[in-house]
Amino acid sequence: GLVQAGGSLRLSCAPSVGTFSGWVMGWFRQAPG
């Protein structure tokens, strides 16, 4: 979403898997350009 500088957000990710503990999870980002 949109937030002011200094603010906070929490992202969530729910994979459609069986045993979740068997998976490595990561976050990446891509800025414009």
Full PDB file with SEQRES, HELIX, SHEET, SSBOND, CRYST1, ORIGX, SCALE, CONECT and MASTER records, all heavy atoms in Angstrom:
SEQRES   1 A   33  GLY LEU VAL GLN ALA GLY GLY SER LEU ARG LEU SER CYS          
SEQRES   2 A   33  ALA PRO SER VAL GLY THR PHE SER GLY TRP VAL MET GLY          
SEQRES   3 A   33  TRP PHE ARG GLN ALA PRO GLY                                  
HELIX    1 AA1 PHE A   20  GLY A   22  5                                   3    
CRYST1    1.000    1.000    1.000  90.00  90.00  90.00 P 1           1          
ORIGX1      1.000000  0.000000  0.000000        0.00000                         
ORIGX2      0.000000  1.000000  0.000000        0.00000                         
ORIGX3      0.000000  0.000000  1.000000        0.00000                         
SCALE1      1.000000  0.000000  0.000000        0.00000                         
SCALE2      0.000000  1.000000  0.000000        0.00000                         
SCALE3      0.000000  0.000000  1.000000        0.00000                         
ATOM      1  N   GLY A   1       0.809  -1.199   0.000  1.00  0.00           N  
ATOM      2  CA  GLY A   1       0.000   0.000   0.000  1.00  0.00           C  
ATOM      3  C   GLY A   1       0.841   1.246   0.000  1.00  0.00           C  
ATOM      4  O   GLY A   1       2.047   1.209  -0.243  1.00  0.00           O  
ATOM      5  N   LEU A   2       0.194   2.361   0.272  1.00  0.00           N  
ATOM      6  CA  LEU A   2       0.839   3.669   0.328  1.00  0.00           C  
ATOM      7  C   LEU A   2       1.023   4.076   1.780  1.00  0.00           C  
ATOM      8  O   LEU A   2       0.075   4.018   2.572  1.00  0.00           O  
ATOM      9  CB  LEU A   2      -0.009   4.705  -0.413  1.00  0.00           C  
ATOM     10  CG  LEU A   2       0.470   6.150  -0.370  1.00  0.00           C  
ATOM     11  CD1 LEU A   2       1.810   6.289  -1.071  1.00  0.00           C  
ATOM     12  CD2 LEU A   2      -0.572   7.061  -1.006  1.00  0.00           C  
ATOM     13  N   VAL A   3       2.239   4.490   2.125  1.00  0.00           N  
ATOM     14  CA  VAL A   3       2.543   4.870   3.495  1.00  0.00           C  
ATOM     15  C   VAL A   3       3.491   6.059   3.487  1.00  0.00           C  
ATOM     16  O   VAL A   3       4.294   6.228   2.567  1.00  0.00           O  
ATOM     17  CB  VAL A   3       3.154   3.679   4.274  1.00  0.00           C  
ATOM     18  CG1 VAL A   3       4.503   3.281   3.688  1.00  0.00           C  
ATOM     19  CG2 VAL A   3       3.283   3.999   5.752  1.00  0.00           C  
ATOM     20  N   GLN A   4       3.398   6.885   4.506  1.00  0.00           N  
ATOM     21  CA  GLN A   4       4.282   8.027   4.655  1.00  0.00           C  
ATOM     22  C   GLN A   4       5.652   7.582   5.159  1.00  0.00           C  
ATOM     23  O   GLN A   4       5.769   6.580   5.865  1.00  0.00           O  
ATOM     24  CB  GLN A   4       3.667   9.040   5.624  1.00  0.00           C  
ATOM     25  CG  GLN A   4       4.419  10.353   5.738  1.00  0.00           C  
ATOM     26  CD  GLN A   4       3.721  11.337   6.658  1.00  0.00           C  
ATOM     27  OE1 GLN A   4       2.589  11.109   7.077  1.00  0.00           O  
ATOM     28  NE2 GLN A   4       4.391  12.441   6.977  1.00  0.00           N  
ATOM     29  N   ALA A   5       6.685   8.308   4.780  1.00  0.00           N  
ATOM     30  CA  ALA A   5       8.027   8.006   5.263  1.00  0.00           C  
ATOM     31  C   ALA A   5       8.042   7.939   6.784  1.00  0.00           C  
ATOM     32  O   ALA A   5       7.458   8.786   7.463  1.00  0.00           O  
ATOM     33  CB  ALA A   5       9.016   9.047   4.766  1.00  0.00           C  
ATOM     34  N   GLY A   6       8.725   6.920   7.305  1.00  0.00           N  
ATOM     35  CA  GLY A   6       8.757   6.686   8.735  1.00  0.00           C  
ATOM     36  C   GLY A   6       7.678   5.743   9.229  1.00  0.00           C  
ATOM     37  O   GLY A   6       7.734   5.293  10.381  1.00  0.00           O  
ATOM     38  N   GLY A   7       6.731   5.424   8.378  1.00  0.00           N  
ATOM     39  CA  GLY A   7       5.649   4.533   8.748  1.00  0.00           C  
ATOM     40  C   GLY A   7       6.015   3.078   8.594  1.00  0.00           C  
ATOM     41  O   GLY A   7       7.157   2.721   8.299  1.00  0.00           O  
ATOM     42  N   SER A   8       5.016   2.224   8.778  1.00  0.00           N  
ATOM     43  CA  SER A   8       5.234   0.780   8.768  1.00  0.00           C  
ATOM     44  C   SER A   8       4.182   0.067   7.930  1.00  0.00           C  
ATOM     45  O   SER A   8       3.048   0.541   7.784  1.00  0.00           O  
ATOM     46  CB  SER A   8       5.186   0.218  10.196  1.00  0.00           C  
ATOM     47  OG  SER A   8       6.189   0.776  11.013  1.00  0.00           O  
ATOM     48  N   LEU A   9       4.569  -1.071   7.393  1.00  0.00           N  
ATOM     49  CA  LEU A   9       3.676  -1.986   6.707  1.00  0.00           C  
ATOM     50  C   LEU A   9       4.102  -3.408   7.027  1.00  0.00           C  
ATOM     51  O   LEU A   9       5.270  -3.658   7.301  1.00  0.00           O  
ATOM     52  CB  LEU A   9       3.709  -1.789   5.186  1.00  0.00           C  
ATOM     53  CG  LEU A   9       3.027  -0.555   4.595  1.00  0.00           C  
ATOM     54  CD1 LEU A   9       3.339  -0.471   3.097  1.00  0.00           C  
ATOM     55  CD2 LEU A   9       1.523  -0.607   4.815  1.00  0.00           C  
ATOM     56  N   ARG A  10       3.158  -4.330   6.970  1.00  0.00           N  
ATOM     57  CA  ARG A  10       3.478  -5.744   7.113  1.00  0.00           C  
ATOM     58  C   ARG A  10       2.951  -6.505   5.914  1.00  0.00           C  
ATOM     59  O   ARG A  10       1.746  -6.508   5.640  1.00  0.00           O  
ATOM     60  CB  ARG A  10       2.890  -6.343   8.398  1.00  0.00           C  
ATOM     61  CG  ARG A  10       3.404  -7.766   8.653  1.00  0.00           C  
ATOM     62  CD  ARG A  10       2.857  -8.384   9.919  1.00  0.00           C  
ATOM     63  NE  ARG A  10       1.468  -8.806   9.784  1.00  0.00           N  
ATOM     64  CZ  ARG A  10       0.846  -9.640  10.614  1.00  0.00           C  
ATOM     65  NH1 ARG A  10       1.509 -10.139  11.665  1.00  0.00           N  
ATOM     66  NH2 ARG A  10      -0.419  -9.948  10.420  1.00  0.00           N  
ATOM     67  N   LEU A  11       3.860  -7.145   5.198  1.00  0.00           N  
ATOM     68  CA  LEU A  11       3.501  -7.970   4.065  1.00  0.00           C  
ATOM     69  C   LEU A  11       3.329  -9.415   4.509  1.00  0.00           C  
ATOM     70  O   LEU A  11       4.020  -9.888   5.409  1.00  0.00           O  
ATOM     71  CB  LEU A  11       4.570  -7.896   2.973  1.00  0.00           C  
ATOM     72  CG  LEU A  11       4.974  -6.504   2.495  1.00  0.00           C  
ATOM     73  CD1 LEU A  11       5.997  -6.619   1.368  1.00  0.00           C  
ATOM     74  CD2 LEU A  11       3.760  -5.708   2.045  1.00  0.00           C  
ATOM     75  N   SER A  12       2.421 -10.115   3.856  1.00  0.00           N  
ATOM     76  CA  SER A  12       2.185 -11.520   4.138  1.00  0.00           C  
ATOM     77  C   SER A  12       2.263 -12.317   2.847  1.00  0.00           C  
ATOM     78  O   SER A  12       1.949 -11.812   1.769  1.00  0.00           O  
ATOM     79  CB  SER A  12       0.813 -11.731   4.788  1.00  0.00           C  
ATOM     80  OG  SER A  12       0.708 -11.031   6.004  1.00  0.00           O  
ATOM     81  N   CYS A  13       2.664 -13.565   2.975  1.00  0.00           N  
ATOM     82  CA  CYS A  13       2.749 -14.464   1.832  1.00  0.00           C  
ATOM     83  C   CYS A  13       2.299 -15.844   2.278  1.00  0.00           C  
ATOM     84  O   CYS A  13       2.850 -16.397   3.231  1.00  0.00           O  
ATOM     85  CB  CYS A  13       4.170 -14.506   1.277  1.00  0.00           C  
ATOM     86  SG  CYS A  13       4.415 -15.685  -0.071  1.00  0.00           S  
ATOM     87  N   ALA A  14       1.311 -16.392   1.592  1.00  0.00           N  
ATOM     88  CA  ALA A  14       0.759 -17.695   1.934  1.00  0.00           C  
ATOM     89  C   ALA A  14       0.926 -18.645   0.751  1.00  0.00           C  
ATOM     90  O   ALA A  14       0.155 -18.575  -0.210  1.00  0.00           O  
ATOM     91  CB  ALA A  14      -0.705 -17.565   2.322  1.00  0.00           C  
ATOM     92  N   PRO A  15       1.910 -19.529   0.799  1.00  0.00           N  
ATOM     93  CA  PRO A  15       2.099 -20.478  -0.294  1.00  0.00           C  
ATOM     94  C   PRO A  15       1.150 -21.660  -0.188  1.00  0.00           C  
ATOM     95  O   PRO A  15       0.807 -22.104   0.908  1.00  0.00           O  
ATOM     96  CB  PRO A  15       3.549 -20.920  -0.118  1.00  0.00           C  
ATOM     97  CG  PRO A  15       3.787 -20.827   1.352  1.00  0.00           C  
ATOM     98  CD  PRO A  15       2.972 -19.646   1.818  1.00  0.00           C  
ATOM     99  N   SER A  16       0.759 -22.180  -1.335  1.00  0.00           N  
ATOM    100  CA  SER A  16      -0.113 -23.348  -1.397  1.00  0.00           C  
ATOM    101  C   SER A  16       0.740 -24.610  -1.388  1.00  0.00           C  
ATOM    102  O   SER A  16       0.914 -25.280  -2.416  1.00  0.00           O  
ATOM    103  CB  SER A  16      -0.995 -23.297  -2.641  1.00  0.00           C  
ATOM    104  OG  SER A  16      -0.210 -23.273  -3.825  1.00  0.00           O  
ATOM    105  N   VAL A  17       1.271 -24.938  -0.215  1.00  0.00           N  
ATOM    106  CA  VAL A  17       2.132 -26.099  -0.056  1.00  0.00           C  
ATOM    107  C   VAL A  17       1.597 -26.982   1.057  1.00  0.00           C  
ATOM    108  O   VAL A  17       0.697 -26.591   1.799  1.00  0.00           O  
ATOM    109  CB  VAL A  17       3.590 -25.700   0.247  1.00  0.00           C  
ATOM    110  CG1 VAL A  17       4.167 -24.873  -0.892  1.00  0.00           C  
ATOM    111  CG2 VAL A  17       3.663 -24.928   1.555  1.00  0.00           C  
ATOM    112  N   GLY A  18       2.185 -28.171   1.178  1.00  0.00           N  
ATOM    113  CA  GLY A  18       1.792 -29.090   2.236  1.00  0.00           C  
ATOM    114  C   GLY A  18       2.454 -28.759   3.548  1.00  0.00           C  
ATOM    115  O   GLY A  18       1.892 -28.050   4.376  1.00  0.00           O  
ATOM    116  N   THR A  19       3.688 -29.261   3.723  1.00  0.00           N  
ATOM    117  CA  THR A  19       4.452 -29.002   4.937  1.00  0.00           C  
ATOM    118  C   THR A  19       5.291 -27.750   4.730  1.00  0.00           C  
ATOM    119  O   THR A  19       6.345 -27.792   4.099  1.00  0.00           O  
ATOM    120  CB  THR A  19       5.342 -30.196   5.289  1.00  0.00           C  
ATOM    121  OG1 THR A  19       4.543 -31.372   5.404  1.00  0.00           O  
ATOM    122  CG2 THR A  19       6.052 -29.948   6.615  1.00  0.00           C  
ATOM    123  N   PHE A  20       4.839 -26.648   5.282  1.00  0.00           N  
ATOM    124  CA  PHE A  20       5.478 -25.357   5.045  1.00  0.00           C  
ATOM    125  C   PHE A  20       6.889 -25.303   5.608  1.00  0.00           C  
ATOM    126  O   PHE A  20       7.749 -24.600   5.069  1.00  0.00           O  
ATOM    127  CB  PHE A  20       4.604 -24.248   5.645  1.00  0.00           C  
ATOM    128  CG  PHE A  20       5.141 -22.865   5.439  1.00  0.00           C  
ATOM    129  CD1 PHE A  20       5.255 -22.328   4.179  1.00  0.00           C  
ATOM    130  CD2 PHE A  20       5.522 -22.099   6.535  1.00  0.00           C  
ATOM    131  CE1 PHE A  20       5.743 -21.045   3.988  1.00  0.00           C  
ATOM    132  CE2 PHE A  20       6.003 -20.816   6.359  1.00  0.00           C  
ATOM    133  CZ  PHE A  20       6.110 -20.294   5.087  1.00  0.00           C  
ATOM    134  N   SER A  21       7.142 -26.035   6.683  1.00  0.00           N  
ATOM    135  CA  SER A  21       8.452 -26.001   7.321  1.00  0.00           C  
ATOM    136  C   SER A  21       9.565 -26.534   6.419  1.00  0.00           C  
ATOM    137  O   SER A  21      10.737 -26.293   6.685  1.00  0.00           O  
ATOM    138  CB  SER A  21       8.434 -26.790   8.634  1.00  0.00           C  
ATOM    139  OG  SER A  21       8.095 -28.149   8.411  1.00  0.00           O  
ATOM    140  N   GLY A  22       9.227 -27.236   5.367  1.00  0.00           N  
ATOM    141  CA  GLY A  22      10.215 -27.769   4.453  1.00  0.00           C  
ATOM    142  C   GLY A  22      10.671 -26.794   3.378  1.00  0.00           C  
ATOM    143  O   GLY A  22      11.469 -27.166   2.512  1.00  0.00           O  
ATOM    144  N   TRP A  23      10.185 -25.578   3.429  1.00  0.00           N  
ATOM    145  CA  TRP A  23      10.472 -24.586   2.402  1.00  0.00           C  
ATOM    146  C   TRP A  23      11.269 -23.414   2.946  1.00  0.00           C  
ATOM    147  O   TRP A  23      10.978 -22.898   4.028  1.00  0.00           O  
ATOM    148  CB  TRP A  23       9.165 -24.050   1.804  1.00  0.00           C  
ATOM    149  CG  TRP A  23       8.389 -25.077   1.046  1.00  0.00           C  
ATOM    150  CD1 TRP A  23       7.601 -26.060   1.568  1.00  0.00           C  
ATOM    151  CD2 TRP A  23       8.318 -25.221  -0.372  1.00  0.00           C  
ATOM    152  NE1 TRP A  23       7.048 -26.814   0.563  1.00  0.00           N  
ATOM    153  CE2 TRP A  23       7.476 -26.317  -0.641  1.00  0.00           C  
ATOM    154  CE3 TRP A  23       8.890 -24.529  -1.434  1.00  0.00           C  
ATOM    155  CZ2 TRP A  23       7.187 -26.732  -1.929  1.00  0.00           C  
ATOM    156  CZ3 TRP A  23       8.606 -24.939  -2.722  1.00  0.00           C  
ATOM    157  CH2 TRP A  23       7.764 -26.032  -2.958  1.00  0.00           C  
ATOM    158  N   VAL A  24      12.280 -22.989   2.195  1.00  0.00           N  
ATOM    159  CA  VAL A  24      12.957 -21.727   2.446  1.00  0.00           C  
ATOM    160  C   VAL A  24      12.110 -20.618   1.832  1.00  0.00           C  
ATOM    161  O   VAL A  24      11.632 -20.745   0.702  1.00  0.00           O  
ATOM    162  CB  VAL A  24      14.364 -21.715   1.842  1.00  0.00           C  
ATOM    163  CG1 VAL A  24      15.004 -20.343   1.995  1.00  0.00           C  
ATOM    164  CG2 VAL A  24      15.228 -22.784   2.490  1.00  0.00           C  
ATOM    165  N   MET A  25      11.937 -19.538   2.560  1.00  0.00           N  
ATOM    166  CA  MET A  25      11.146 -18.413   2.089  1.00  0.00           C  
ATOM    167  C   MET A  25      12.015 -17.167   1.997  1.00  0.00           C  
ATOM    168  O   MET A  25      12.928 -16.971   2.801  1.00  0.00           O  
ATOM    169  CB  MET A  25       9.963 -18.148   3.017  1.00  0.00           C  
ATOM    170  CG  MET A  25       9.020 -19.336   3.188  1.00  0.00           C  
ATOM    171  SD  MET A  25       8.242 -19.855   1.633  1.00  0.00           S  
ATOM    172  CE  MET A  25       7.344 -18.355   1.183  1.00  0.00           C  
ATOM    173  N   GLY A  26      11.710 -16.326   1.024  1.00  0.00           N  
ATOM    174  CA  GLY A  26      12.462 -15.102   0.851  1.00  0.00           C  
ATOM    175  C   GLY A  26      11.595 -13.972   0.327  1.00  0.00           C  
ATOM    176  O   GLY A  26      10.502 -14.196  -0.201  1.00  0.00           O  
ATOM    177  N   TRP A  27      12.106 -12.763   0.499  1.00  0.00           N  
ATOM    178  CA  TRP A  27      11.469 -11.568  -0.045  1.00  0.00           C  
ATOM    179  C   TRP A  27      12.466 -10.838  -0.936  1.00  0.00           C  
ATOM    180  O   TRP A  27      13.640 -10.661  -0.565  1.00  0.00           O  
ATOM    181  CB  TRP A  27      10.992 -10.624   1.061  1.00  0.00           C  
ATOM    182  CG  TRP A  27       9.783 -11.103   1.809  1.00  0.00           C  
ATOM    183  CD1 TRP A  27       9.759 -11.771   2.992  1.00  0.00           C  
ATOM    184  CD2 TRP A  27       8.420 -10.937   1.418  1.00  0.00           C  
ATOM    185  NE1 TRP A  27       8.466 -12.030   3.369  1.00  0.00           N  
ATOM    186  CE2 TRP A  27       7.613 -11.530   2.418  1.00  0.00           C  
ATOM    187  CE3 TRP A  27       7.791 -10.338   0.326  1.00  0.00           C  
ATOM    188  CZ2 TRP A  27       6.226 -11.547   2.363  1.00  0.00           C  
ATOM    189  CZ3 TRP A  27       6.406 -10.360   0.261  1.00  0.00           C  
ATOM    190  CH2 TRP A  27       5.646 -10.957   1.268  1.00  0.00           C  
ATOM    191  N   PHE A  28      11.999 -10.421  -2.094  1.00  0.00           N  
ATOM    192  CA  PHE A  28      12.762  -9.602  -3.022  1.00  0.00           C  
ATOM    193  C   PHE A  28      11.943  -8.368  -3.368  1.00  0.00           C  
ATOM    194  O   PHE A  28      10.740  -8.322  -3.116  1.00  0.00           O  
ATOM    195  CB  PHE A  28      13.102 -10.384  -4.296  1.00  0.00           C  
ATOM    196  CG  PHE A  28      14.096 -11.490  -4.096  1.00  0.00           C  
ATOM    197  CD1 PHE A  28      13.731 -12.676  -3.478  1.00  0.00           C  
ATOM    198  CD2 PHE A  28      15.408 -11.348  -4.533  1.00  0.00           C  
ATOM    199  CE1 PHE A  28      14.641 -13.698  -3.291  1.00  0.00           C  
ATOM    200  CE2 PHE A  28      16.330 -12.369  -4.360  1.00  0.00           C  
ATOM    201  CZ  PHE A  28      15.948 -13.539  -3.737  1.00  0.00           C  
ATOM    202  N   ARG A  29      12.591  -7.372  -3.958  1.00  0.00           N  
ATOM    203  CA  ARG A  29      11.862  -6.189  -4.388  1.00  0.00           C  
ATOM    204  C   ARG A  29      12.463  -5.651  -5.675  1.00  0.00           C  
ATOM    205  O   ARG A  29      13.636  -5.865  -5.975  1.00  0.00           O  
ATOM    206  CB  ARG A  29      11.863  -5.106  -3.302  1.00  0.00           C  
ATOM    207  CG  ARG A  29      13.225  -4.476  -3.033  1.00  0.00           C  
ATOM    208  CD  ARG A  29      13.132  -3.508  -1.874  1.00  0.00           C  
ATOM    209  NE  ARG A  29      14.395  -2.839  -1.608  1.00  0.00           N  
ATOM    210  CZ  ARG A  29      14.600  -2.011  -0.597  1.00  0.00           C  
ATOM    211  NH1 ARG A  29      13.615  -1.742   0.263  1.00  0.00           N  
ATOM    212  NH2 ARG A  29      15.787  -1.443  -0.433  1.00  0.00           N  
ATOM    213  N   GLN A  30      11.640  -4.936  -6.423  1.00  0.00           N  
ATOM    214  CA  GLN A  30      12.074  -4.339  -7.674  1.00  0.00           C  
ATOM    215  C   GLN A  30      11.503  -2.935  -7.774  1.00  0.00           C  
ATOM    216  O   GLN A  30      10.287  -2.758  -7.870  1.00  0.00           O  
ATOM    217  CB  GLN A  30      11.634  -5.181  -8.873  1.00  0.00           C  
ATOM    218  CG  GLN A  30      12.192  -4.699 -10.191  1.00  0.00           C  
ATOM    219  CD  GLN A  30      11.968  -5.688 -11.309  1.00  0.00           C  
ATOM    220  OE1 GLN A  30      11.102  -6.563 -11.223  1.00  0.00           O  
ATOM    221  NE2 GLN A  30      12.746  -5.569 -12.373  1.00  0.00           N  
ATOM    222  N   ALA A  31      12.390  -1.953  -7.746  1.00  0.00           N  
ATOM    223  CA  ALA A  31      12.006  -0.559  -7.888  1.00  0.00           C  
ATOM    224  C   ALA A  31      11.903  -0.206  -9.365  1.00  0.00           C  
ATOM    225  O   ALA A  31      12.492  -0.882 -10.220  1.00  0.00           O  
ATOM    226  CB  ALA A  31      13.018   0.340  -7.188  1.00  0.00           C  
ATOM    227  N   PRO A  32      11.174   0.858  -9.700  1.00  0.00           N  
ATOM    228  CA  PRO A  32      11.052   1.253 -11.104  1.00  0.00           C  
ATOM    229  C   PRO A  32      12.415   1.488 -11.752  1.00  0.00           C  
ATOM    230  O   PRO A  32      13.250   2.214 -11.212  1.00  0.00           O  
ATOM    231  CB  PRO A  32      10.243   2.544 -11.035  1.00  0.00           C  
ATOM    232  CG  PRO A  32       9.455   2.423  -9.770  1.00  0.00           C  
ATOM    233  CD  PRO A  32      10.365   1.706  -8.815  1.00  0.00           C  
ATOM    234  N   GLY A  33      12.643   0.856 -12.887  1.00  0.00           N  
ATOM    235  CA  GLY A  33      13.897   1.006 -13.599  1.00  0.00           C  
ATOM    236  C   GLY A  33      15.069   0.275 -12.996  1.00  0.00           C  
ATOM    237  O   GLY A  33      16.203   0.452 -13.471  1.00  0.00           O  
TER     238      GLY A  33                                                      
MASTER        0    0    0    1    0    0    0    6  237    1    0    3          
END                                                                             
